Amino acid sequence: MVLAHRLAAAVLAYQAAIVPLRKRLRVLASSLADLEEPMSVPESFAALCALVERVEGVRLRELAGRLEAAGAPSGERALAEVLRMARQLPEYPEVLARWDTRLIYMVAAAGGDQRARAGIEPELSRLAETDDWAALAKVLRRVLEGERDQRLLAGLDLSDTVIVTELLRRLGGSS
């Protein structure tokens, strides 16, 4: 039951983009690693709702539905993404270490530093020309233009999601 509630919290954090997702993913990843039976992970959003809604006052399906109506990913998609990210969490440190300098430039550029913007633009242009990084370059430009919500993550692969999530965290936005 604890795992289900941790999973529900991570799903809502992913959907709402207002709660630190990275911390919730670490807690969830730890819970998943401790499982003796992987079958105890809810296989669908409906199954997750059924588990957590056994607790009086918990209305995960209703809250997730409201978030989805406001433009957040569906509960099913959020569940799949959260599980995917939690299971691959060990990749986080390596990805972030490779991107740290660029993230520093991005934060400065997003804050209005024109020299930082001029310094990061050639890198974004180079990334935009590659198949692997084009989607990330597009999202990073959107962040530079002021976007700060979880919808930026839609369609990104895990590495790109890690990078954008960390950038948003550093900017004081969602994470």
C-alpha atoms as a PDB file:
ATOM      1  CA  MET A   1       0.000   0.000   0.000  1.00  0.00           C
ATOM      2  CA  VAL A   2       2.907   2.362   0.737  1.00  0.00           C
ATOM      3  CA  LEU A   3       4.296   1.793  -2.753  1.00  0.00           C
ATOM      4  CA  ALA A   4       0.913   2.627  -4.281  1.00  0.00           C
ATOM      5  CA  HIS A   5       0.744   5.931  -2.392  1.00  0.00           C
ATOM      6  CA  ARG A   6       4.310   6.817  -3.352  1.00  0.00           C
ATOM      7  CA  LEU A   7       3.471   6.006  -6.940  1.00  0.00           C
ATOM      8  CA  ALA A   8       0.300   8.122  -6.767  1.00  0.00           C
ATOM      9  CA  ALA A   9       2.285  11.053  -5.338  1.00  0.00           C
ATOM     10  CA  ALA A  10       4.811  10.806  -8.173  1.00  0.00           C
ATOM     11  CA  VAL A  11       2.038  10.601 -10.791  1.00  0.00           C
ATOM     12  CA  LEU A  12       0.405  13.752  -9.411  1.00  0.00           C
ATOM     13  CA  ALA A  13       3.766  15.522  -9.220  1.00  0.00           C
ATOM     14  CA  TYR A  14       4.386  14.639 -12.858  1.00  0.00           C
ATOM     15  CA  GLN A  15       0.930  15.828 -13.904  1.00  0.00           C
ATOM     16  CA  ALA A  16       0.795  18.978 -11.805  1.00  0.00           C
ATOM     17  CA  ALA A  17       4.387  20.106 -12.309  1.00  0.00           C
ATOM     18  CA  ILE A  18       4.298  21.916  -8.964  1.00  0.00           C
ATOM     19  CA  VAL A  19       5.862  19.370  -6.638  1.00  0.00           C
ATOM     20  CA  PRO A  20       9.529  18.312  -6.830  1.00  0.00           C
ATOM     21  CA  LEU A  21       9.357  15.255  -9.080  1.00  0.00           C
ATOM     22  CA  ARG A  22      13.000  14.283  -8.729  1.00  0.00           C
ATOM     23  CA  LYS A  23      12.716  13.681  -4.978  1.00  0.00           C
ATOM     24  CA  ARG A  24       9.543  11.639  -5.459  1.00  0.00           C
ATOM     25  CA  LEU A  25      11.256   9.577  -8.162  1.00  0.00           C
ATOM     26  CA  ARG A  26      14.169   8.781  -5.827  1.00  0.00           C
ATOM     27  CA  VAL A  27      11.771   7.589  -3.107  1.00  0.00           C
ATOM     28  CA  LEU A  28       9.798   5.579  -5.641  1.00  0.00           C
ATOM     29  CA  ALA A  29      12.953   4.090  -7.190  1.00  0.00           C
ATOM     30  CA  SER A  30      14.068   2.966  -3.743  1.00  0.00           C
ATOM     31  CA  SER A  31      10.671   1.369  -3.094  1.00  0.00           C
ATOM     32  CA  LEU A  32      10.754  -0.404  -6.460  1.00  0.00           C
ATOM     33  CA  ALA A  33      14.262  -1.716  -5.780  1.00  0.00           C
ATOM     34  CA  ASP A  34      13.122  -3.164  -2.446  1.00  0.00           C
ATOM     35  CA  LEU A  35      10.225  -5.114  -3.977  1.00  0.00           C
ATOM     36  CA  GLU A  36      10.419  -8.850  -3.636  1.00  0.00           C
ATOM     37  CA  GLU A  37       7.618  -9.318  -6.149  1.00  0.00           C
ATOM     38  CA  PRO A  38       7.486  -6.932  -9.122  1.00  0.00           C
ATOM     39  CA  MET A  39       3.868  -7.998  -9.604  1.00  0.00           C
ATOM     40  CA  SER A  40       2.927  -5.764  -6.660  1.00  0.00           C
ATOM     41  CA  VAL A  41       3.346  -2.668  -8.862  1.00  0.00           C
ATOM     42  CA  PRO A  42      -0.076  -1.563 -10.142  1.00  0.00           C
ATOM     43  CA  GLU A  43      -0.285  -2.455 -13.827  1.00  0.00           C
ATOM     44  CA  SER A  44      -2.607   0.397 -14.775  1.00  0.00           C
ATOM     45  CA  PHE A  45      -3.768   3.775 -13.558  1.00  0.00           C
ATOM     46  CA  ALA A  46      -7.171   2.259 -12.762  1.00  0.00           C
ATOM     47  CA  ALA A  47      -5.492  -0.370 -10.571  1.00  0.00           C
ATOM     48  CA  LEU A  48      -3.449   2.336  -8.816  1.00  0.00           C
ATOM     49  CA  CYS A  49      -6.600   4.358  -8.163  1.00  0.00           C
ATOM     50  CA  ALA A  50      -8.361   1.301  -6.772  1.00  0.00           C
ATOM     51  CA  LEU A  51      -5.506   0.724  -4.322  1.00  0.00           C
ATOM     52  CA  VAL A  52      -5.017   4.247  -3.015  1.00  0.00           C
ATOM     53  CA  GLU A  53      -8.714   5.113  -2.956  1.00  0.00           C
ATOM     54  CA  ARG A  54      -9.220   2.464  -0.286  1.00  0.00           C
ATOM     55  CA  VAL A  55      -8.053   5.180   2.098  1.00  0.00           C
ATOM     56  CA  GLU A  56     -10.909   7.424   3.143  1.00  0.00           C
ATOM     57  CA  GLY A  57     -10.789  10.808   1.420  1.00  0.00           C
ATOM     58  CA  VAL A  58      -8.315   9.820  -1.297  1.00  0.00           C
ATOM     59  CA  ARG A  59      -9.740  10.604  -4.741  1.00  0.00           C
ATOM     60  CA  LEU A  60      -6.789  10.114  -7.087  1.00  0.00           C
ATOM     61  CA  ARG A  61      -8.923   9.451 -10.171  1.00  0.00           C
ATOM     62  CA  GLU A  62     -10.866  12.691  -9.642  1.00  0.00           C
ATOM     63  CA  LEU A  63      -7.775  14.830  -9.038  1.00  0.00           C
ATOM     64  CA  ALA A  64      -5.852  13.334 -11.963  1.00  0.00           C
ATOM     65  CA  GLY A  65      -8.907  13.903 -14.160  1.00  0.00           C
ATOM     66  CA  ARG A  66      -8.973  17.578 -13.218  1.00  0.00           C
ATOM     67  CA  LEU A  67      -5.282  17.914 -14.005  1.00  0.00           C
ATOM     68  CA  GLU A  68      -5.784  16.169 -17.345  1.00  0.00           C
ATOM     69  CA  ALA A  69      -8.682  18.510 -18.179  1.00  0.00           C
ATOM     70  CA  ALA A  70      -6.280  21.407 -17.520  1.00  0.00           C
ATOM     71  CA  GLY A  71      -3.815  20.031 -20.074  1.00  0.00           C
ATOM     72  CA  ALA A  72      -1.690  17.631 -18.025  1.00  0.00           C
ATOM     73  CA  PRO A  73      -0.830  14.170 -19.350  1.00  0.00           C
ATOM     74  CA  SER A  74      -3.400  11.456 -18.642  1.00  0.00           C
ATOM     75  CA  GLY A  75      -3.101   9.407 -15.478  1.00  0.00           C
ATOM     76  CA  GLU A  76      -2.184   6.355 -17.535  1.00  0.00           C
ATOM     77  CA  ARG A  77       0.572   8.224 -19.402  1.00  0.00           C
ATOM     78  CA  ALA A  78       1.860   9.862 -16.206  1.00  0.00           C
ATOM     79  CA  LEU A  79       1.999   6.447 -14.505  1.00  0.00           C
ATOM     80  CA  ALA A  80       3.956   4.944 -17.397  1.00  0.00           C
ATOM     81  CA  GLU A  81       6.400   7.862 -17.493  1.00  0.00           C
ATOM     82  CA  VAL A  82       6.935   7.931 -13.732  1.00  0.00           C
ATOM     83  CA  LEU A  83       7.610   4.182 -13.618  1.00  0.00           C
ATOM     84  CA  ARG A  84       9.977   4.443 -16.583  1.00  0.00           C
ATOM     85  CA  MET A  85      11.908   7.320 -15.031  1.00  0.00           C
ATOM     86  CA  ALA A  86      12.053   5.705 -11.568  1.00  0.00           C
ATOM     87  CA  ARG A  87      13.343   2.441 -13.007  1.00  0.00           C
ATOM     88  CA  GLN A  88      16.065   4.257 -14.936  1.00  0.00           C
ATOM     89  CA  LEU A  89      16.939   6.723 -12.190  1.00  0.00           C
ATOM     90  CA  PRO A  90      20.601   5.674 -11.899  1.00  0.00           C
ATOM     91  CA  GLU A  91      21.172   7.435 -15.234  1.00  0.00           C
ATOM     92  CA  TYR A  92      20.374  10.817 -13.685  1.00  0.00           C
ATOM     93  CA  PRO A  93      23.781  11.699 -12.221  1.00  0.00           C
ATOM     94  CA  GLU A  94      25.692  10.894 -15.398  1.00  0.00           C
ATOM     95  CA  VAL A  95      23.326  12.838 -17.637  1.00  0.00           C
ATOM     96  CA  LEU A  96      23.330  15.863 -15.353  1.00  0.00           C
ATOM     97  CA  ALA A  97      27.109  15.813 -14.960  1.00  0.00           C
ATOM     98  CA  ARG A  98      27.526  15.983 -18.759  1.00  0.00           C
ATOM     99  CA  TRP A  99      25.037  18.861 -18.974  1.00  0.00           C
ATOM    100  CA  ASP A 100      25.993  20.942 -15.948  1.00  0.00           C
ATOM    101  CA  THR A 101      27.884  23.700 -17.806  1.00  0.00           C
ATOM    102  CA  ARG A 102      25.138  24.028 -20.409  1.00  0.00           C
ATOM    103  CA  LEU A 103      22.513  24.188 -17.674  1.00  0.00           C
ATOM    104  CA  ILE A 104      24.430  27.002 -15.982  1.00  0.00           C
ATOM    105  CA  TYR A 105      24.392  28.940 -19.270  1.00  0.00           C
ATOM    106  CA  MET A 106      20.692  28.163 -19.772  1.00  0.00           C
ATOM    107  CA  VAL A 107      19.757  29.476 -16.329  1.00  0.00           C
ATOM    108  CA  ALA A 108      21.735  32.662 -16.886  1.00  0.00           C
ATOM    109  CA  ALA A 109      20.267  33.113 -20.377  1.00  0.00           C
ATOM    110  CA  ALA A 110      16.731  32.506 -19.112  1.00  0.00           C
ATOM    111  CA  GLY A 111      17.399  35.195 -16.512  1.00  0.00           C
ATOM    112  CA  GLY A 112      18.180  37.720 -19.216  1.00  0.00           C
ATOM    113  CA  ASP A 113      21.970  37.430 -19.455  1.00  0.00           C
ATOM    114  CA  GLN A 114      22.621  38.235 -23.117  1.00  0.00           C
ATOM    115  CA  ARG A 115      26.212  36.974 -23.036  1.00  0.00           C
ATOM    116  CA  ALA A 116      25.022  33.614 -21.718  1.00  0.00           C
ATOM    117  CA  ARG A 117      22.318  33.561 -24.397  1.00  0.00           C
ATOM    118  CA  ALA A 118      24.915  34.281 -27.084  1.00  0.00           C
ATOM    119  CA  GLY A 119      27.092  31.531 -25.619  1.00  0.00           C
ATOM    120  CA  ILE A 120      24.370  28.865 -25.584  1.00  0.00           C
ATOM    121  CA  GLU A 121      22.760  29.657 -28.956  1.00  0.00           C
ATOM    122  CA  PRO A 122      25.455  27.958 -31.093  1.00  0.00           C
ATOM    123  CA  GLU A 123      25.100  24.837 -28.945  1.00  0.00           C
ATOM    124  CA  LEU A 124      21.312  24.841 -29.347  1.00  0.00           C
ATOM    125  CA  SER A 125      21.692  25.282 -33.103  1.00  0.00           C
ATOM    126  CA  ARG A 126      24.148  22.384 -33.252  1.00  0.00           C
ATOM    127  CA  LEU A 127      21.807  20.187 -31.207  1.00  0.00           C
ATOM    128  CA  ALA A 128      18.826  21.127 -33.381  1.00  0.00           C
ATOM    129  CA  GLU A 129      20.619  19.682 -36.416  1.00  0.00           C
ATOM    130  CA  THR A 130      20.921  16.183 -34.925  1.00  0.00           C
ATOM    131  CA  ASP A 131      18.236  13.530 -34.794  1.00  0.00           C
ATOM    132  CA  ASP A 132      18.973  12.601 -31.168  1.00  0.00           C
ATOM    133  CA  TRP A 133      18.919  16.125 -29.744  1.00  0.00           C
ATOM    134  CA  ALA A 134      16.569  18.151 -31.977  1.00  0.00           C
ATOM    135  CA  ALA A 135      13.529  17.719 -29.700  1.00  0.00           C
ATOM    136  CA  LEU A 136      15.566  18.784 -26.672  1.00  0.00           C
ATOM    137  CA  ALA A 137      16.923  21.869 -28.461  1.00  0.00           C
ATOM    138  CA  LYS A 138      13.378  22.912 -29.341  1.00  0.00           C
ATOM    139  CA  VAL A 139      12.208  22.530 -25.727  1.00  0.00           C
ATOM    140  CA  LEU A 140      15.253  24.371 -24.368  1.00  0.00           C
ATOM    141  CA  ARG A 141      14.434  27.289 -26.656  1.00  0.00           C
ATOM    142  CA  ARG A 142      10.869  27.267 -25.318  1.00  0.00           C
ATOM    143  CA  VAL A 143      12.264  27.450 -21.778  1.00  0.00           C
ATOM    144  CA  LEU A 144      14.426  30.407 -22.808  1.00  0.00           C
ATOM    145  CA  GLU A 145      11.252  32.085 -24.073  1.00  0.00           C
ATOM    146  CA  GLY A 146       9.627  31.691 -20.657  1.00  0.00           C
ATOM    147  CA  GLU A 147       7.717  28.379 -20.690  1.00  0.00           C
ATOM    148  CA  ARG A 148       7.949  26.561 -17.370  1.00  0.00           C
ATOM    149  CA  ASP A 149       5.432  23.728 -17.136  1.00  0.00           C
ATOM    150  CA  GLN A 150       5.436  19.952 -17.235  1.00  0.00           C
ATOM    151  CA  ARG A 151       3.963  19.875 -20.734  1.00  0.00           C
ATOM    152  CA  LEU A 152       7.448  20.695 -21.984  1.00  0.00           C
ATOM    153  CA  LEU A 153       8.362  17.086 -21.209  1.00  0.00           C
ATOM    154  CA  ALA A 154       5.798  15.571 -23.571  1.00  0.00           C
ATOM    155  CA  GLY A 155       7.526  13.435 -26.192  1.00  0.00           C
ATOM    156  CA  LEU A 156      11.029  13.711 -24.753  1.00  0.00           C
ATOM    157  CA  ASP A 157      13.165  10.652 -24.097  1.00  0.00           C
ATOM    158  CA  LEU A 158      14.510   9.932 -20.616  1.00  0.00           C
ATOM    159  CA  SER A 159      17.794  11.834 -20.967  1.00  0.00           C
ATOM    160  CA  ASP A 160      16.027  14.879 -22.383  1.00  0.00           C
ATOM    161  CA  THR A 161      13.420  14.675 -19.606  1.00  0.00           C
ATOM    162  CA  VAL A 162      16.165  14.585 -16.971  1.00  0.00           C
ATOM    163  CA  ILE A 163      17.852  17.645 -18.489  1.00  0.00           C
ATOM    164  CA  VAL A 164      14.694  19.728 -18.812  1.00  0.00           C
ATOM    165  CA  THR A 165      13.447  18.713 -15.356  1.00  0.00           C
ATOM    166  CA  GLU A 166      16.747  19.807 -13.813  1.00  0.00           C
ATOM    167  CA  LEU A 167      16.714  23.073 -15.767  1.00  0.00           C
ATOM    168  CA  LEU A 168      13.198  23.836 -14.555  1.00  0.00           C
ATOM    169  CA  ARG A 169      14.241  23.014 -10.989  1.00  0.00           C
ATOM    170  CA  ARG A 170      17.186  25.390 -11.227  1.00  0.00           C
ATOM    171  CA  LEU A 171      14.920  28.084 -12.613  1.00  0.00           C
ATOM    172  CA  GLY A 172      12.604  27.659  -9.658  1.00  0.00           C
ATOM    173  CA  GLY A 173       9.867  26.142 -11.795  1.00  0.00           C
ATOM    174  CA  SER A 174       8.585  22.601 -11.898  1.00  0.00           C
ATOM    175  CA  SER A 175      10.742  19.572 -11.359  1.00  0.00           C
END
